[in-house]
Amino acid sequence: MSAPLLCLLFYLAGSIPFGVIFSRLGGKDIQSLGSGNTGAANVYRNLGFIYGLATFLTDFSKSYFPLSLYNLYHPHDRLIYCLALCCFLGHCFSVFLAFRGGKGVSVSMGILAFFSWYYALIFVVAYVFFLIILKISSLASLGSFLISTACIYFLPVKSDDKTLNIFIFSVILFILLLFMHGKNIRRLINRNELQI
């Protein structure tokens, strides 16, 4: 299968709007509630824990499992970074939602877990810590991903070219996450950001 077709398939996988699907099952339109975001945090705020958890797990899975499946048949293929990026972009700019979507946190965590469960675990621990202390999901997400990215560089599982590639890719993802959280950052500066 050609690289462009694979990129399209991974983009489409990322585009599946699970937050919208679950919110409609709950009788609501998540795009008209709260921040209008289709991600797990907004679903949790407006529909509760079960719907939020379901959204997180499915958004996580739509990056983790396709990447794992591809890697099973094509290990050490550097195209994997491009495919991971396509998943992320599909989630944030879904073709099924007029190129709107989520902020990319759950999908990014799925990508991180694909590369290393060790760094994904660091993300989870940091996220829970920040969320308990700050009660602001956007700040907890950005802070946790920044810590995970720093750990890839300063506490690598292996010191090799693959780890360096993962670090560089994680930096790119973090920059994209900052871009996607632009409105949240402005609300944080104005001290009126939504709490969980």
Protein backbone atom coordinates (compact mmCIF):
# COMPACT_ATOMS: atom_id res chain seq x y z
CA MET A 1 0.00 0.00 0.00
CA SER A 2 1.36 3.43 -0.93
CA ALA A 3 2.42 5.96 1.69
CA PRO A 4 -0.20 8.59 0.65
CA LEU A 5 -3.02 6.04 0.93
CA LEU A 6 -1.76 4.91 4.34
CA CYS A 7 -1.64 8.52 5.50
CA LEU A 8 -5.24 9.00 4.33
CA LEU A 9 -6.39 5.86 6.17
CA PHE A 10 -4.70 6.94 9.41
CA TYR A 11 -6.18 10.42 9.03
CA LEU A 12 -9.64 8.89 8.62
CA ALA A 13 -9.08 6.67 11.67
CA GLY A 14 -8.15 9.75 13.68
CA SER A 15 -11.18 11.59 12.31
CA ILE A 16 -13.75 9.25 13.86
CA PRO A 17 -15.55 11.61 16.30
CA PHE A 18 -16.16 9.32 19.24
CA GLY A 19 -16.96 12.25 21.53
CA VAL A 20 -19.81 13.27 19.23
CA ILE A 21 -21.02 9.69 18.89
CA PHE A 22 -21.16 9.10 22.65
CA SER A 23 -22.72 12.48 23.38
CA ARG A 24 -25.49 11.77 20.89
CA LEU A 25 -26.06 8.42 22.55
CA GLY A 26 -26.46 10.44 25.72
CA GLY A 27 -29.01 12.70 24.03
CA LYS A 28 -26.77 15.77 23.71
CA ASP A 29 -24.66 17.55 21.11
CA ILE A 30 -21.21 18.00 22.65
CA GLN A 31 -20.26 20.63 20.07
CA SER A 32 -22.88 22.96 21.52
CA LEU A 33 -21.91 22.37 25.15
CA GLY A 34 -19.12 23.77 27.30
CA SER A 35 -16.05 24.54 25.20
CA GLY A 36 -17.59 22.88 22.14
CA ASN A 37 -14.64 20.52 22.09
CA THR A 38 -15.29 16.87 21.20
CA GLY A 39 -12.61 15.52 23.54
CA ALA A 40 -12.94 13.48 26.72
CA ALA A 41 -12.66 16.41 29.16
CA ASN A 42 -15.59 18.32 27.68
CA VAL A 43 -17.65 15.13 27.38
CA TYR A 44 -16.91 14.36 31.04
CA ARG A 45 -17.94 17.86 32.15
CA ASN A 46 -21.26 17.71 30.32
CA LEU A 47 -22.26 14.04 30.30
CA GLY A 48 -20.43 12.51 33.24
CA PHE A 49 -17.72 9.99 34.00
CA ILE A 50 -18.89 7.01 31.93
CA TYR A 51 -19.24 9.00 28.70
CA GLY A 52 -15.96 10.82 29.37
CA LEU A 53 -14.11 7.56 30.00
CA ALA A 54 -15.60 5.95 26.89
CA THR A 55 -14.48 8.94 24.81
CA PHE A 56 -10.98 8.84 26.26
CA LEU A 57 -10.54 5.09 25.69
CA THR A 58 -11.79 5.18 22.10
CA ASP A 59 -9.80 8.31 21.21
CA PHE A 60 -6.73 6.68 22.75
CA SER A 61 -7.39 3.46 20.83
CA LYS A 62 -7.80 5.08 17.41
CA SER A 63 -4.13 6.04 17.46
CA TYR A 64 -2.63 3.25 19.57
CA PHE A 65 -4.09 0.21 17.80
CA PRO A 66 -3.65 1.30 14.14
CA LEU A 67 -0.03 2.26 14.87
CA SER A 68 0.59 -1.03 16.67
CA LEU A 69 -0.94 -3.02 13.81
CA TYR A 70 1.16 -1.22 11.21
CA ASN A 71 4.31 -1.66 13.30
CA LEU A 72 3.61 -5.39 13.58
CA TYR A 73 4.05 -5.80 9.83
CA HIS A 74 6.47 -2.91 9.23
CA PRO A 75 8.80 -2.64 12.24
CA HIS A 76 11.43 0.11 12.19
CA ASP A 77 9.63 1.94 9.37
CA ARG A 78 10.05 5.69 9.82
CA LEU A 79 6.75 6.27 8.04
CA ILE A 80 5.21 5.49 11.44
CA TYR A 81 5.89 9.07 12.59
CA CYS A 82 3.97 10.48 9.64
CA LEU A 83 1.10 8.07 10.26
CA ALA A 84 0.97 9.07 13.93
CA LEU A 85 0.83 12.72 12.89
CA CYS A 86 -2.03 11.94 10.47
CA CYS A 87 -3.99 10.33 13.34
CA PHE A 88 -3.47 13.44 15.45
CA LEU A 89 -4.51 15.80 12.66
CA GLY A 90 -7.55 13.67 11.87
CA HIS A 91 -8.71 13.96 15.46
CA CYS A 92 -8.18 17.72 15.62
CA PHE A 93 -9.50 18.47 12.13
CA SER A 94 -12.04 15.73 11.46
CA VAL A 95 -13.38 15.45 7.93
CA PHE A 96 -16.66 14.25 9.51
CA LEU A 97 -17.04 17.47 11.54
CA ALA A 98 -16.23 20.10 8.89
CA PHE A 99 -12.58 19.94 10.00
CA ARG A 100 -13.29 20.59 13.65
CA GLY A 101 -12.62 18.17 16.48
CA GLY A 102 -10.76 17.70 19.73
CA LYS A 103 -7.56 19.11 21.15
CA GLY A 104 -5.58 15.91 20.59
CA VAL A 105 -4.67 14.93 24.15
CA SER A 106 -6.14 11.41 24.24
CA VAL A 107 -4.85 10.65 20.74
CA SER A 108 -1.41 11.96 21.74
CA MET A 109 -1.41 9.70 24.76
CA GLY A 110 -2.21 6.75 22.50
CA ILE A 111 0.74 7.70 20.32
CA LEU A 112 2.96 8.05 23.39
CA ALA A 113 1.84 4.64 24.68
CA PHE A 114 2.60 3.10 21.29
CA PHE A 115 6.16 4.38 21.46
CA SER A 116 6.61 3.49 25.13
CA TRP A 117 4.20 2.58 27.93
CA TYR A 118 6.85 3.89 30.32
CA TYR A 119 6.40 7.48 29.09
CA ALA A 120 2.63 7.06 28.90
CA LEU A 121 2.61 6.03 32.55
CA ILE A 122 4.62 9.14 33.43
CA PHE A 123 1.99 11.19 31.58
CA VAL A 124 -0.86 9.55 33.53
CA VAL A 125 0.79 10.04 36.92
CA ALA A 126 1.65 13.67 36.15
CA TYR A 127 -1.83 14.34 34.76
CA VAL A 128 -3.59 12.95 37.84
CA PHE A 129 -1.27 14.95 40.11
CA PHE A 130 -1.85 18.22 38.23
CA LEU A 131 -5.59 17.59 37.96
CA ILE A 132 -5.96 16.99 41.69
CA ILE A 133 -3.93 20.08 42.55
CA LEU A 134 -5.11 22.48 39.83
CA LYS A 135 -8.48 21.01 38.75
CA ILE A 136 -7.87 22.37 35.22
CA SER A 137 -7.72 19.70 32.53
CA SER A 138 -6.01 21.80 29.85
CA LEU A 139 -3.17 22.81 32.17
CA ALA A 140 -2.82 19.26 33.47
CA SER A 141 -2.67 17.92 29.90
CA LEU A 142 -0.03 20.37 28.69
CA GLY A 143 2.06 20.06 31.84
CA SER A 144 1.93 16.26 31.75
CA PHE A 145 2.90 16.04 28.09
CA LEU A 146 5.77 18.47 28.67
CA ILE A 147 7.06 16.34 31.56
CA SER A 148 6.73 13.15 29.49
CA THR A 149 8.63 14.74 26.61
CA ALA A 150 11.38 15.92 28.96
CA CYS A 151 11.66 12.41 30.41
CA ILE A 152 12.18 10.96 26.93
CA TYR A 153 15.30 13.13 26.67
CA PHE A 154 16.59 13.11 30.25
CA LEU A 155 15.43 9.62 31.36
CA PRO A 156 15.55 7.52 28.18
CA VAL A 157 14.75 3.81 28.28
CA LYS A 158 17.45 3.39 25.64
CA SER A 159 20.01 5.84 24.32
CA ASP A 160 19.69 5.29 20.58
CA ASP A 161 18.49 6.96 17.39
CA LYS A 162 14.92 5.71 17.89
CA THR A 163 14.68 7.44 21.27
CA LEU A 164 15.97 10.65 19.71
CA ASN A 165 13.37 10.36 16.94
CA ILE A 166 10.62 9.83 19.52
CA PHE A 167 11.82 12.87 21.46
CA ILE A 168 11.82 15.07 18.36
CA PHE A 169 8.36 13.82 17.39
CA SER A 170 7.09 14.44 20.93
CA VAL A 171 8.38 18.02 20.78
CA ILE A 172 6.46 18.50 17.52
CA LEU A 173 3.33 17.03 19.13
CA PHE A 174 3.71 19.32 22.14
CA ILE A 175 3.95 22.38 19.89
CA LEU A 176 0.79 21.22 18.09
CA LEU A 177 -0.94 20.69 21.43
CA LEU A 178 -0.03 24.24 22.44
CA PHE A 179 -1.55 25.49 19.19
CA MET A 180 -4.72 23.46 19.73
CA HIS A 181 -5.00 24.81 23.28
CA GLY A 182 -4.63 28.44 22.21
CA LYS A 183 -8.06 29.44 23.55
CA ASN A 184 -7.41 27.57 26.79
CA ILE A 185 -4.10 29.35 27.25
CA ARG A 186 -5.80 32.72 26.75
CA ARG A 187 -8.44 31.77 29.33
CA LEU A 188 -5.69 30.66 31.72
CA ILE A 189 -4.01 34.04 31.32
CA ASN A 190 -7.37 35.75 31.96
CA ARG A 191 -8.03 33.36 34.88
CA ASN A 192 -11.36 32.15 33.57
CA GLU A 193 -10.42 28.72 32.26
CA LEU A 194 -12.98 25.94 32.71
CA GLN A 195 -12.35 23.53 35.58
CA ILE A 196 -12.96 19.82 35.41
